[in-house]
Amino acid sequence: MITKIQKWGNSQGLRLSKDLLADVDIEVGDTVDVSERDGSLVVTPVRRVRGRLDLEELVREIPADYKPGEFDWGPPAGREVW
C-alpha cells in the first residue's frame, strides 16, 4: 500500500486502508505501539486482556499507601448464598 504522511492541524497522520487494518486485526480506536526498526516504521497492535486495559497497567495505578477495606453490598437480592 502506498500512502503519504499528511498534516492535520498541528499533527501529522498516516491514513491506512480498512482492508490493511483488517488484515492485521486492528480497528479504529485500538492502541498500537509505533517504533523504528532498521530505518523502518513498525506499527504493532497492543493486545489487551478484557477490553482495553491490562492487569499490570491497572496495578501500577494503585497508590502505594492504599489499604483495602470491606464494603457492605446490602442484603441478598436473589438466591445468592452468603
PDB file of N, CA and C in Angstrom:
ATOM      1  N   MET A   1       0.847  -1.178   0.000  1.00  0.00           N
ATOM      2  CA  MET A   1       0.000   0.000   0.000  1.00  0.00           C
ATOM      3  C   MET A   1       0.890   1.237   0.000  1.00  0.00           C
ATOM      4  N   ILE A   2       0.651   2.127  -0.890  1.00  0.00           N
ATOM      5  CA  ILE A   2       1.375   3.393  -0.956  1.00  0.00           C
ATOM      6  C   ILE A   2       0.450   4.481  -0.409  1.00  0.00           C
ATOM      7  N   THR A   3       0.952   5.244   0.531  1.00  0.00           N
ATOM      8  CA  THR A   3       0.196   6.352   1.117  1.00  0.00           C
ATOM      9  C   THR A   3       1.187   7.451   1.465  1.00  0.00           C
ATOM     10  N   LYS A   4       0.731   8.545   2.026  1.00  0.00           N
ATOM     11  CA  LYS A   4       1.660   9.605   2.403  1.00  0.00           C
ATOM     12  C   LYS A   4       1.290  10.202   3.743  1.00  0.00           C
ATOM     13  N   ILE A   5       2.275  10.793   4.383  1.00  0.00           N
ATOM     14  CA  ILE A   5       2.065  11.492   5.644  1.00  0.00           C
ATOM     15  C   ILE A   5       1.366  12.808   5.326  1.00  0.00           C
ATOM     16  N   GLN A   6       0.295  13.108   6.069  1.00  0.00           N
ATOM     17  CA  GLN A   6      -0.442  14.339   5.838  1.00  0.00           C
ATOM     18  C   GLN A   6      -0.529  15.139   7.128  1.00  0.00           C
ATOM     19  N   LYS A   7      -0.699  16.429   6.985  1.00  0.00           N
ATOM     20  CA  LYS A   7      -0.807  17.318   8.137  1.00  0.00           C
ATOM     21  C   LYS A   7      -2.282  17.465   8.509  1.00  0.00           C
ATOM     22  N   TRP A   8      -2.566  17.281   9.807  1.00  0.00           N
ATOM     23  CA  TRP A   8      -3.893  17.500  10.358  1.00  0.00           C
ATOM     24  C   TRP A   8      -3.735  18.415  11.558  1.00  0.00           C
ATOM     25  N   GLY A   9      -4.075  19.676  11.413  1.00  0.00           N
ATOM     26  CA  GLY A   9      -3.869  20.645  12.491  1.00  0.00           C
ATOM     27  C   GLY A   9      -2.391  20.787  12.775  1.00  0.00           C
ATOM     28  N   ASN A  10      -1.993  20.616  14.039  1.00  0.00           N
ATOM     29  CA  ASN A  10      -0.584  20.700  14.414  1.00  0.00           C
ATOM     30  C   ASN A  10       0.096  19.331  14.423  1.00  0.00           C
ATOM     31  N   SER A  11      -0.597  18.317  13.929  1.00  0.00           N
ATOM     32  CA  SER A  11      -0.051  16.959  13.932  1.00  0.00           C
ATOM     33  C   SER A  11       0.109  16.445  12.511  1.00  0.00           C
ATOM     34  N   GLN A  12       0.783  15.321  12.404  1.00  0.00           N
ATOM     35  CA  GLN A  12       0.917  14.646  11.126  1.00  0.00           C
ATOM     36  C   GLN A  12       0.270  13.278  11.273  1.00  0.00           C
ATOM     37  N   GLY A  13      -0.320  12.778  10.197  1.00  0.00           N
ATOM     38  CA  GLY A  13      -1.010  11.496  10.275  1.00  0.00           C
ATOM     39  C   GLY A  13      -0.750  10.654   9.055  1.00  0.00           C
ATOM     40  N   LEU A  14      -1.029   9.390   9.203  1.00  0.00           N
ATOM     41  CA  LEU A  14      -0.849   8.412   8.144  1.00  0.00           C
ATOM     42  C   LEU A  14      -2.179   7.689   7.968  1.00  0.00           C
ATOM     43  N   ARG A  15      -2.734   7.720   6.780  1.00  0.00           N
ATOM     44  CA  ARG A  15      -4.006   7.034   6.525  1.00  0.00           C
ATOM     45  C   ARG A  15      -3.710   5.594   6.117  1.00  0.00           C
ATOM     46  N   LEU A  16      -4.440   4.683   6.747  1.00  0.00           N
ATOM     47  CA  LEU A  16      -4.291   3.261   6.443  1.00  0.00           C
ATOM     48  C   LEU A  16      -5.642   2.732   5.973  1.00  0.00           C
ATOM     49  N   SER A  17      -5.618   1.873   4.968  1.00  0.00           N
ATOM     50  CA  SER A  17      -6.876   1.371   4.418  1.00  0.00           C
ATOM     51  C   SER A  17      -7.565   0.421   5.392  1.00  0.00           C
ATOM     52  N   LYS A  18      -8.863   0.340   5.269  1.00  0.00           N
ATOM     53  CA  LYS A  18      -9.672  -0.549   6.096  1.00  0.00           C
ATOM     54  C   LYS A  18      -9.239  -2.001   5.894  1.00  0.00           C
ATOM     55  N   ASP A  19      -8.943  -2.374   4.653  1.00  0.00           N
ATOM     56  CA  ASP A  19      -8.518  -3.749   4.350  1.00  0.00           C
ATOM     57  C   ASP A  19      -7.185  -4.080   5.011  1.00  0.00           C
ATOM     58  N   LEU A  20      -6.242  -3.146   4.989  1.00  0.00           N
ATOM     59  CA  LEU A  20      -4.940  -3.373   5.617  1.00  0.00           C
ATOM     60  C   LEU A  20      -5.111  -3.559   7.127  1.00  0.00           C
ATOM     61  N   LEU A  21      -5.917  -2.705   7.754  1.00  0.00           N
ATOM     62  CA  LEU A  21      -6.156  -2.830   9.189  1.00  0.00           C
ATOM     63  C   LEU A  21      -6.839  -4.152   9.518  1.00  0.00           C
ATOM     64  N   ALA A  22      -7.781  -4.582   8.691  1.00  0.00           N
ATOM     65  CA  ALA A  22      -8.458  -5.861   8.914  1.00  0.00           C
ATOM     66  C   ALA A  22      -7.468  -7.023   8.810  1.00  0.00           C
ATOM     67  N   ASP A  23      -6.520  -6.935   7.876  1.00  0.00           N
ATOM     68  CA  ASP A  23      -5.516  -7.991   7.694  1.00  0.00           C
ATOM     69  C   ASP A  23      -4.669  -8.200   8.940  1.00  0.00           C
ATOM     70  N   VAL A  24      -4.425  -7.134   9.702  1.00  0.00           N
ATOM     71  CA  VAL A  24      -3.592  -7.241  10.909  1.00  0.00           C
ATOM     72  C   VAL A  24      -4.429  -7.154  12.184  1.00  0.00           C
ATOM     73  N   ASP A  25      -5.750  -7.245  12.032  1.00  0.00           N
ATOM     74  CA  ASP A  25      -6.690  -7.274  13.158  1.00  0.00           C
ATOM     75  C   ASP A  25      -6.581  -6.028  14.041  1.00  0.00           C
ATOM     76  N   ILE A  26      -6.543  -4.861  13.406  1.00  0.00           N
ATOM     77  CA  ILE A  26      -6.552  -3.574  14.101  1.00  0.00           C
ATOM     78  C   ILE A  26      -7.812  -2.833  13.683  1.00  0.00           C
ATOM     79  N   GLU A  27      -8.492  -2.237  14.673  1.00  0.00           N
ATOM     80  CA  GLU A  27      -9.692  -1.462  14.397  1.00  0.00           C
ATOM     81  C   GLU A  27      -9.489  -0.021  14.839  1.00  0.00           C
ATOM     82  N   VAL A  28     -10.336   0.875  14.350  1.00  0.00           N
ATOM     83  CA  VAL A  28     -10.289   2.277  14.747  1.00  0.00           C
ATOM     84  C   VAL A  28     -10.450   2.341  16.266  1.00  0.00           C
ATOM     85  N   GLY A  29      -9.567   3.078  16.932  1.00  0.00           N
ATOM     86  CA  GLY A  29      -9.611   3.229  18.382  1.00  0.00           C
ATOM     87  C   GLY A  29      -8.697   2.266  19.124  1.00  0.00           C
ATOM     88  N   ASP A  30      -8.151   1.246  18.429  1.00  0.00           N
ATOM     89  CA  ASP A  30      -7.238   0.312  19.086  1.00  0.00           C
ATOM     90  C   ASP A  30      -5.923   0.999  19.424  1.00  0.00           C
ATOM     91  N   THR A  31      -5.266   0.518  20.462  1.00  0.00           N
ATOM     92  CA  THR A  31      -3.958   1.028  20.850  1.00  0.00           C
ATOM     93  C   THR A  31      -2.886   0.293  20.056  1.00  0.00           C
ATOM     94  N   VAL A  32      -1.916   1.031  19.533  1.00  0.00           N
ATOM     95  CA  VAL A  32      -0.811   0.428  18.791  1.00  0.00           C
ATOM     96  C   VAL A  32       0.516   0.950  19.336  1.00  0.00           C
ATOM     97  N   ASP A  33       1.540   0.145  19.158  1.00  0.00           N
ATOM     98  CA  ASP A  33       2.893   0.541  19.520  1.00  0.00           C
ATOM     99  C   ASP A  33       3.604   0.916  18.228  1.00  0.00           C
ATOM    100  N   VAL A  34       4.128   2.139  18.147  1.00  0.00           N
ATOM    101  CA  VAL A  34       4.836   2.602  16.958  1.00  0.00           C
ATOM    102  C   VAL A  34       6.312   2.700  17.307  1.00  0.00           C
ATOM    103  N   SER A  35       7.144   2.009  16.531  1.00  0.00           N
ATOM    104  CA  SER A  35       8.581   2.005  16.812  1.00  0.00           C
ATOM    105  C   SER A  35       9.364   2.067  15.505  1.00  0.00           C
ATOM    106  N   GLU A  36      10.663   2.223  15.648  1.00  0.00           N
ATOM    107  CA  GLU A  36      11.567   2.269  14.492  1.00  0.00           C
ATOM    108  C   GLU A  36      12.456   1.043  14.561  1.00  0.00           C
ATOM    109  N   ARG A  37      12.602   0.357  13.430  1.00  0.00           N
ATOM    110  CA  ARG A  37      13.491  -0.798  13.371  1.00  0.00           C
ATOM    111  C   ARG A  37      14.237  -0.773  12.038  1.00  0.00           C
ATOM    112  N   ASP A  38      15.542  -0.623  12.116  1.00  0.00           N
ATOM    113  CA  ASP A  38      16.392  -0.609  10.914  1.00  0.00           C
ATOM    114  C   ASP A  38      15.914   0.406   9.877  1.00  0.00           C
ATOM    115  N   GLY A  39      15.521   1.596  10.339  1.00  0.00           N
ATOM    116  CA  GLY A  39      15.103   2.660   9.433  1.00  0.00           C
ATOM    117  C   GLY A  39      13.674   2.539   8.936  1.00  0.00           C
ATOM    118  N   SER A  40      12.922   1.570   9.449  1.00  0.00           N
ATOM    119  CA  SER A  40      11.525   1.390   9.043  1.00  0.00           C
ATOM    120  C   SER A  40      10.603   1.700  10.216  1.00  0.00           C
ATOM    121  N   LEU A  41       9.419   2.163   9.898  1.00  0.00           N
ATOM    122  CA  LEU A  41       8.397   2.429  10.891  1.00  0.00           C
ATOM    123  C   LEU A  41       7.612   1.140  11.099  1.00  0.00           C
ATOM    124  N   VAL A  42       7.490   0.693  12.353  1.00  0.00           N
ATOM    125  CA  VAL A  42       6.790  -0.557  12.666  1.00  0.00           C
ATOM    126  C   VAL A  42       5.602  -0.236  13.562  1.00  0.00           C
ATOM    127  N   VAL A  43       4.412  -0.632  13.128  1.00  0.00           N
ATOM    128  CA  VAL A  43       3.188  -0.412  13.898  1.00  0.00           C
ATOM    129  C   VAL A  43       2.672  -1.785  14.331  1.00  0.00           C
ATOM    130  N   THR A  44       2.603  -1.995  15.661  1.00  0.00           N
ATOM    131  CA  THR A  44       2.195  -3.291  16.199  1.00  0.00           C
ATOM    132  C   THR A  44       0.984  -3.101  17.099  1.00  0.00           C
ATOM    133  N   PRO A  45      -0.064  -3.911  16.896  1.00  0.00           N
ATOM    134  CA  PRO A  45      -1.215  -3.797  17.796  1.00  0.00           C
ATOM    135  C   PRO A  45      -0.832  -4.210  19.208  1.00  0.00           C
ATOM    136  N   VAL A  46      -1.360  -3.473  20.182  1.00  0.00           N
ATOM    137  CA  VAL A  46      -1.135  -3.815  21.589  1.00  0.00           C
ATOM    138  C   VAL A  46      -2.317  -4.664  22.006  1.00  0.00           C
ATOM    139  N   ARG A  47      -2.050  -5.922  22.290  1.00  0.00           N
ATOM    140  CA  ARG A  47      -3.122  -6.841  22.671  1.00  0.00           C
ATOM    141  C   ARG A  47      -3.407  -6.703  24.147  1.00  0.00           C
ATOM    142  N   ARG A  48      -4.646  -6.481  24.485  1.00  0.00           N
ATOM    143  CA  ARG A  48      -5.066  -6.306  25.863  1.00  0.00           C
ATOM    144  C   ARG A  48      -5.981  -7.459  26.257  1.00  0.00           C
ATOM    145  N   VAL A  49      -6.002  -7.759  27.516  1.00  0.00           N
ATOM    146  CA  VAL A  49      -6.907  -8.765  28.042  1.00  0.00           C
ATOM    147  C   VAL A  49      -8.112  -8.051  28.632  1.00  0.00           C
ATOM    148  N   ARG A  50      -9.296  -8.562  28.377  1.00  0.00           N
ATOM    149  CA  ARG A  50     -10.530  -7.976  28.898  1.00  0.00           C
ATOM    150  C   ARG A  50     -10.694  -6.515  28.501  1.00  0.00           C
ATOM    151  N   GLY A  51     -10.792  -6.257  27.255  1.00  0.00           N
ATOM    152  CA  GLY A  51     -11.036  -4.893  26.803  1.00  0.00           C
ATOM    153  C   GLY A  51      -9.751  -4.137  26.539  1.00  0.00           C
ATOM    154  N   ARG A  52      -9.678  -2.915  26.965  1.00  0.00           N
ATOM    155  CA  ARG A  52      -8.565  -2.048  26.587  1.00  0.00           C
ATOM    156  C   ARG A  52      -7.512  -1.890  27.677  1.00  0.00           C
ATOM    157  N   LEU A  53      -7.675  -2.539  28.842  1.00  0.00           N
ATOM    158  CA  LEU A  53      -6.720  -2.396  29.929  1.00  0.00           C
ATOM    159  C   LEU A  53      -6.103  -3.744  30.267  1.00  0.00           C
ATOM    160  N   ASP A  54      -4.893  -3.728  30.767  1.00  0.00           N
ATOM    161  CA  ASP A  54      -4.305  -4.973  31.241  1.00  0.00           C
ATOM    162  C   ASP A  54      -4.013  -4.863  32.737  1.00  0.00           C
ATOM    163  N   LEU A  55      -3.831  -5.993  33.387  1.00  0.00           N
ATOM    164  CA  LEU A  55      -3.685  -6.034  34.829  1.00  0.00           C
ATOM    165  C   LEU A  55      -2.468  -5.248  35.309  1.00  0.00           C
ATOM    166  N   GLU A  56      -1.345  -5.385  34.616  1.00  0.00           N
ATOM    167  CA  GLU A  56      -0.133  -4.663  35.044  1.00  0.00           C
ATOM    168  C   GLU A  56      -0.357  -3.161  35.038  1.00  0.00           C
ATOM    169  N   GLU A  57      -1.038  -2.669  34.018  1.00  0.00           N
ATOM    170  CA  GLU A  57      -1.312  -1.226  33.929  1.00  0.00           C
ATOM    171  C   GLU A  57      -2.218  -0.782  35.080  1.00  0.00           C
ATOM    172  N   LEU A  58      -3.239  -1.570  35.381  1.00  0.00           N
ATOM    173  CA  LEU A  58      -4.146  -1.222  36.475  1.00  0.00           C
ATOM    174  C   LEU A  58      -3.437  -1.246  37.826  1.00  0.00           C
ATOM    175  N   VAL A  59      -2.600  -2.257  38.066  1.00  0.00           N
ATOM    176  CA  VAL A  59      -1.897  -2.374  39.346  1.00  0.00           C
ATOM    177  C   VAL A  59      -0.914  -1.225  39.532  1.00  0.00           C
ATOM    178  N   ARG A  60      -0.270  -0.777  38.458  1.00  0.00           N
ATOM    179  CA  ARG A  60       0.672   0.356  38.546  1.00  0.00           C
ATOM    180  C   ARG A  60      -0.020   1.620  39.049  1.00  0.00           C
ATOM    181  N   GLU A  61      -1.317   1.732  38.806  1.00  0.00           N
ATOM    182  CA  GLU A  61      -2.052   2.936  39.193  1.00  0.00           C
ATOM    183  C   GLU A  61      -2.550   2.904  40.639  1.00  0.00           C
ATOM    184  N   ILE A  62      -2.370   1.787  41.348  1.00  0.00           N
ATOM    185  CA  ILE A  62      -2.799   1.708  42.745  1.00  0.00           C
ATOM    186  C   ILE A  62      -1.816   2.502  43.600  1.00  0.00           C
ATOM    187  N   PRO A  63      -2.290   3.451  44.399  1.00  0.00           N
ATOM    188  CA  PRO A  63      -1.385   4.232  45.247  1.00  0.00           C
ATOM    189  C   PRO A  63      -0.642   3.319  46.234  1.00  0.00           C
ATOM    190  N   ALA A  64       0.605   3.656  46.552  1.00  0.00           N
ATOM    191  CA  ALA A  64       1.436   2.855  47.446  1.00  0.00           C
ATOM    192  C   ALA A  64       0.826   2.754  48.842  1.00  0.00           C
ATOM    193  N   ASP A  65       0.087   3.776  49.271  1.00  0.00           N
ATOM    194  CA  ASP A  65      -0.482   3.777  50.621  1.00  0.00           C
ATOM    195  C   ASP A  65      -1.925   3.245  50.656  1.00  0.00           C
ATOM    196  N   TYR A  66      -2.386   2.604  49.600  1.00  0.00           N
ATOM    197  CA  TYR A  66      -3.753   2.088  49.526  1.00  0.00           C
ATOM    198  C   TYR A  66      -3.958   0.925  50.489  1.00  0.00           C
ATOM    199  N   LYS A  67      -5.017   1.005  51.288  1.00  0.00           N
ATOM    200  CA  LYS A  67      -5.397  -0.059  52.222  1.00  0.00           C
ATOM    201  C   LYS A  67      -6.817  -0.488  51.872  1.00  0.00           C
ATOM    202  N   PRO A  68      -6.996  -1.712  51.370  1.00  0.00           N
ATOM    203  CA  PRO A  68      -8.352  -2.145  51.015  1.00  0.00           C
ATOM    204  C   PRO A  68      -9.215  -2.321  52.254  1.00  0.00           C
ATOM    205  N   GLY A  69     -10.478  -2.070  52.111  1.00  0.00           N
ATOM    206  CA  GLY A  69     -11.424  -2.231  53.210  1.00  0.00           C
ATOM    207  C   GLY A  69     -12.614  -3.060  52.765  1.00  0.00           C
ATOM    208  N   GLU A  70     -13.543  -3.277  53.665  1.00  0.00           N
ATOM    209  CA  GLU A  70     -14.742  -4.033  53.344  1.00  0.00           C
ATOM    210  C   GLU A  70     -15.842  -3.081  52.899  1.00  0.00           C
ATOM    211  N   PHE A  71     -16.744  -3.597  52.104  1.00  0.00           N
ATOM    212  CA  PHE A  71     -17.873  -2.809  51.617  1.00  0.00           C
ATOM    213  C   PHE A  71     -19.139  -3.629  51.783  1.00  0.00           C
ATOM    214  N   ASP A  72     -20.165  -3.049  52.374  1.00  0.00           N
ATOM    215  CA  ASP A  72     -21.437  -3.732  52.572  1.00  0.00           C
ATOM    216  C   ASP A  72     -22.302  -3.542  51.328  1.00  0.00           C
ATOM    217  N   TRP A  73     -22.551  -4.623  50.622  1.00  0.00           N
ATOM    218  CA  TRP A  73     -23.358  -4.563  49.406  1.00  0.00           C
ATOM    219  C   TRP A  73     -24.846  -4.703  49.707  1.00  0.00           C
ATOM    220  N   GLY A  74     -25.207  -4.858  50.979  1.00  0.00           N
ATOM    221  CA  GLY A  74     -26.612  -4.979  51.347  1.00  0.00           C
ATOM    222  C   GLY A  74     -27.065  -6.424  51.394  1.00  0.00           C
ATOM    223  N   PRO A  75     -28.348  -6.623  51.648  1.00  0.00           N
ATOM    224  CA  PRO A  75     -28.864  -7.987  51.759  1.00  0.00           C
ATOM    225  C   PRO A  75     -28.914  -8.673  50.389  1.00  0.00           C
ATOM    226  N   PRO A  76     -29.024 -10.015  50.368  1.00  0.00           N
ATOM    227  CA  PRO A  76     -29.140 -10.735  49.100  1.00  0.00           C
ATOM    228  C   PRO A  76     -30.337 -10.249  48.305  1.00  0.00           C
ATOM    229  N   ALA A  77     -30.202 -10.215  46.990  1.00  0.00           N
ATOM    230  CA  ALA A  77     -31.290  -9.745  46.135  1.00  0.00           C
ATOM    231  C   ALA A  77     -31.923 -10.887  45.356  1.00  0.00           C
ATOM    232  N   GLY A  78     -31.399 -12.071  45.487  1.00  0.00           N
ATOM    233  CA  GLY A  78     -31.924 -13.208  44.752  1.00  0.00           C
ATOM    234  C   GLY A  78     -31.666 -14.482  45.532  1.00  0.00           C
ATOM    235  N   ARG A  79     -31.142 -15.502  44.860  1.00  0.00           N
ATOM    236  CA  ARG A  79     -30.885 -16.776  45.531  1.00  0.00           C
ATOM    237  C   ARG A  79     -29.406 -16.937  45.877  1.00  0.00           C
ATOM    238  N   GLU A  80     -28.716 -15.822  46.112  1.00  0.00           N
ATOM    239  CA  GLU A  80     -27.311 -15.909  46.476  1.00  0.00           C
ATOM    240  C   GLU A  80     -27.154 -16.608  47.829  1.00  0.00           C
ATOM    241  N   VAL A  81     -26.037 -17.282  47.982  1.00  0.00           N
ATOM    242  CA  VAL A  81     -25.715 -17.917  49.246  1.00  0.00           C
ATOM    243  C   VAL A  81     -24.586 -17.119  49.868  1.00  0.00           C
ATOM    244  N   TRP A  82     -24.782 -16.605  51.088  1.00  0.00           N
ATOM    245  CA  TRP A  82     -23.767 -15.763  51.732  1.00  0.00           C
ATOM    246  C   TRP A  82     -23.089 -16.518  52.804  1.00  0.00           C
TER     247      TRP A  82
END
